[in-house]
Protein backbone atom coordinates (compact mmCIF):
# COMPACT_ATOMS: atom_id res chain seq x y z
CA UNK A 1 -8.35 10.24 10.02
CA UNK A 2 -7.13 12.63 12.83
CA UNK A 3 -4.09 12.38 14.37
CA UNK A 4 -4.07 10.11 17.46
CA UNK A 5 -3.33 10.74 21.17
CA UNK A 6 0.34 9.96 22.05
CA UNK A 7 -1.07 7.54 24.61
CA UNK A 8 -1.39 3.80 23.42
CA UNK A 9 -4.79 3.62 25.18
CA UNK A 10 -7.74 4.68 23.33
CA UNK A 11 -11.55 5.41 24.38
CA UNK A 12 -14.10 2.32 24.42
CA UNK A 13 -16.56 1.82 21.52
CA UNK A 14 -19.76 3.29 22.64
CA UNK A 15 -21.83 5.86 23.67
CA UNK A 16 -20.75 9.14 25.68
CA UNK A 17 -24.03 10.80 25.63
CA UNK A 18 -27.48 9.53 24.12
CA UNK A 19 -31.04 10.97 23.98
CA UNK A 20 -30.01 14.69 23.90
CA UNK A 21 -28.92 17.36 21.55
CA UNK A 22 -29.11 20.02 24.18
CA UNK A 23 -25.75 21.81 23.86
CA UNK A 24 -25.32 22.37 27.75
CA UNK A 25 -25.93 18.39 27.99
CA UNK A 26 -23.44 17.74 25.43
CA UNK A 27 -20.73 20.03 26.70
CA UNK A 28 -21.07 18.52 30.22
CA UNK A 29 -20.93 14.86 28.75
CA UNK A 30 -17.86 15.75 26.43
CA UNK A 31 -15.99 17.38 28.79
CA UNK A 32 -16.02 14.86 31.59
CA UNK A 33 -15.26 12.23 28.83
CA UNK A 34 -12.57 14.12 27.63
CA UNK A 35 -10.98 14.91 31.29
CA UNK A 36 -11.43 11.21 32.04
CA UNK A 37 -9.53 9.99 28.93
CA UNK A 38 -6.43 12.25 29.67
CA UNK A 39 -6.51 10.81 33.21
CA UNK A 40 -7.13 7.32 31.98
CA UNK A 41 -4.42 6.97 29.35
CA UNK A 42 -1.86 9.08 31.50
CA UNK A 43 -1.51 11.50 28.48
CA UNK A 44 -0.53 14.89 29.44
CA UNK A 45 -3.26 17.34 28.77
CA UNK A 46 -2.28 20.39 26.38
CA UNK A 47 -2.40 24.07 27.90
CA UNK A 48 -5.36 24.70 25.27
CA UNK A 49 -7.51 21.87 26.53
CA UNK A 50 -6.80 22.71 30.20
CA UNK A 51 -7.94 26.24 29.40
CA UNK A 52 -11.18 24.89 27.62
CA UNK A 53 -12.05 22.75 30.49
CA UNK A 54 -11.56 25.42 33.01
CA UNK A 55 -13.79 27.68 30.89
CA UNK A 56 -16.45 24.85 30.82
CA UNK A 57 -16.16 24.69 34.54
CA UNK A 58 -17.95 27.76 34.63
CA UNK A 59 -21.09 27.06 32.72
CA UNK A 60 -23.09 29.65 34.06
CA UNK A 61 -20.88 32.29 32.02
CA UNK A 62 -21.59 30.33 28.74
CA UNK A 63 -24.69 32.09 26.72
CA UNK A 64 -26.22 28.89 25.62
CA UNK A 65 -28.99 31.03 23.94
CA UNK A 66 -25.94 33.00 21.66
CA UNK A 67 -24.55 29.85 20.35
CA UNK A 68 -21.30 29.91 22.66
CA UNK A 69 -22.15 26.10 23.70
CA UNK A 70 -22.21 25.16 20.14
CA UNK A 71 -18.53 26.12 19.77
CA UNK A 72 -17.58 24.28 22.99
CA UNK A 73 -19.32 21.27 21.57
CA UNK A 74 -17.51 21.19 18.30
CA UNK A 75 -14.14 21.71 20.10
CA UNK A 76 -14.72 19.17 22.70
CA UNK A 77 -15.45 16.71 19.87
CA UNK A 78 -12.59 17.63 17.83
CA UNK A 79 -10.52 16.78 21.02
CA UNK A 80 -12.21 13.28 21.83
CA UNK A 81 -11.26 12.41 18.21
CA UNK A 82 -7.91 12.35 19.04
CA UNK A 83 -8.73 9.23 21.39
CA UNK A 84 -10.62 7.27 18.62
CA UNK A 85 -9.30 3.93 18.21
CA UNK A 86 -7.95 2.70 14.88
CA UNK A 87 -10.83 2.65 12.39
CA UNK A 88 -13.17 4.32 14.70
CA UNK A 89 -14.36 8.04 15.19
CA UNK A 90 -16.21 10.27 17.73
CA UNK A 91 -19.64 11.55 16.57
CA UNK A 92 -22.98 10.62 16.12
CA UNK A 93 -23.73 7.06 15.74
CA UNK A 94 -25.10 6.09 11.96
CA UNK A 95 -28.34 4.88 13.55
CA UNK A 96 -29.10 7.55 16.10
CA UNK A 97 -27.97 11.19 15.65
CA UNK A 98 -28.56 12.03 19.38
CA UNK A 99 -26.07 9.23 20.19
CA UNK A 100 -22.76 10.46 20.45
CA UNK A 101 -19.84 8.39 21.22
CA UNK A 102 -16.93 6.19 19.54
CA UNK A 103 -18.05 4.15 16.87
CA UNK A 104 -16.42 1.87 14.31
CA UNK A 105 -15.99 3.17 10.78
CA UNK A 106 -17.16 0.26 8.50
CA UNK A 107 -15.70 2.33 5.62
CA UNK A 108 -12.27 2.85 7.01
CA UNK A 109 -12.13 -0.76 8.27
CA UNK A 110 -13.02 -2.30 4.73
CA UNK A 111 -10.54 -0.06 3.03
CA UNK A 112 -7.84 -1.17 5.27
CA UNK A 113 -8.62 -4.68 4.89
CA UNK A 114 -8.58 -4.37 1.00
CA UNK A 115 -5.23 -2.38 1.42
CA UNK A 116 -3.73 -5.06 3.40
CA UNK A 117 -3.38 -3.05 6.49
CA UNK A 118 -5.70 -5.34 8.75
CA UNK A 119 -5.63 -9.07 8.41
CA UNK A 120 -8.67 -10.83 8.98
CA UNK A 121 -9.38 -14.24 10.70
CA UNK A 122 -12.84 -15.16 10.44
CA UNK A 123 -14.26 -18.14 12.68
CA UNK A 124 -17.90 -17.33 11.57
CA UNK A 125 -17.69 -19.42 8.10
CA UNK A 126 -18.65 -22.68 9.73
CA UNK A 127 -15.66 -23.47 11.74
CA UNK A 128 -12.76 -22.75 9.16
CA UNK A 129 -10.24 -21.06 11.12
CA UNK A 130 -7.76 -18.76 9.07
CA UNK A 131 -4.16 -19.05 10.46
CA UNK A 132 -2.19 -16.12 11.62
CA UNK A 133 1.03 -15.97 9.32
CA UNK A 134 4.14 -17.05 11.43
CA UNK A 135 5.97 -13.81 12.59
CA UNK A 136 2.83 -11.78 11.64
CA UNK A 137 3.30 -7.95 12.85
CA UNK A 138 0.22 -5.75 12.30
CA UNK A 139 -3.66 -5.28 13.07
CA UNK A 140 -5.82 -8.46 13.23
CA UNK A 141 -9.50 -8.42 12.85
CA UNK A 142 -11.01 -11.57 14.47
CA UNK A 143 -14.53 -12.41 13.79
CA UNK A 144 -16.02 -14.87 16.22
CA UNK A 145 -18.10 -17.79 15.31
CA UNK A 146 -20.92 -15.45 16.47
CA UNK A 147 -19.93 -12.68 14.36
CA UNK A 148 -18.63 -10.40 17.13
CA UNK A 149 -15.38 -8.37 15.71
CA UNK A 150 -12.57 -7.41 17.72
CA UNK A 151 -9.29 -5.58 16.62
CA UNK A 152 -6.10 -6.70 17.91
CA UNK A 153 -2.26 -5.90 17.48
CA UNK A 154 0.38 -8.75 16.89
CA UNK A 155 4.01 -8.39 16.92
CA UNK A 156 6.32 -11.02 15.74
CA UNK A 157 3.45 -13.52 15.65
CA UNK A 158 2.46 -12.90 19.07
CA UNK A 159 -0.97 -11.18 20.57
CA UNK A 160 0.25 -7.88 22.07
CA UNK A 161 -3.19 -6.15 22.75
CA UNK A 162 -6.94 -5.75 21.98
CA UNK A 163 -7.63 -2.34 20.75
CA UNK A 164 -11.39 -2.96 20.53
């Protein structure tokens, strides 16, 4: 996984851009999302990101026919990855290659559960509710009785924050 932003806040799971693969559309959507995430998370924007966003503001100078925009799309995607929540990634969704956003990585989550990094509380099994161990500190995947999943952080047996 990529190194996370220094903020304790992450991007929300879901689409950033859908229905287009046009580089100029992706550059615009990704740049807007990146600027908003820096603002939302109160994370200081590194100089190289400021420079990249300033260059993108001059979109008329980017030669979309020459592949310049493709480089910006890739660089922006790499920067957005820093804001991906734990066990998530930034990229195209598995079901739609033209739907870019932040998505849960089922493989990474399964591996974390298997390795004991994440505790599971599954309420979808006919009302049986797993107990959170007293004093538990770590991540908890809660599966509701309807099958919805959320990832939360606990510290010393107390809920701290919902991550997604």
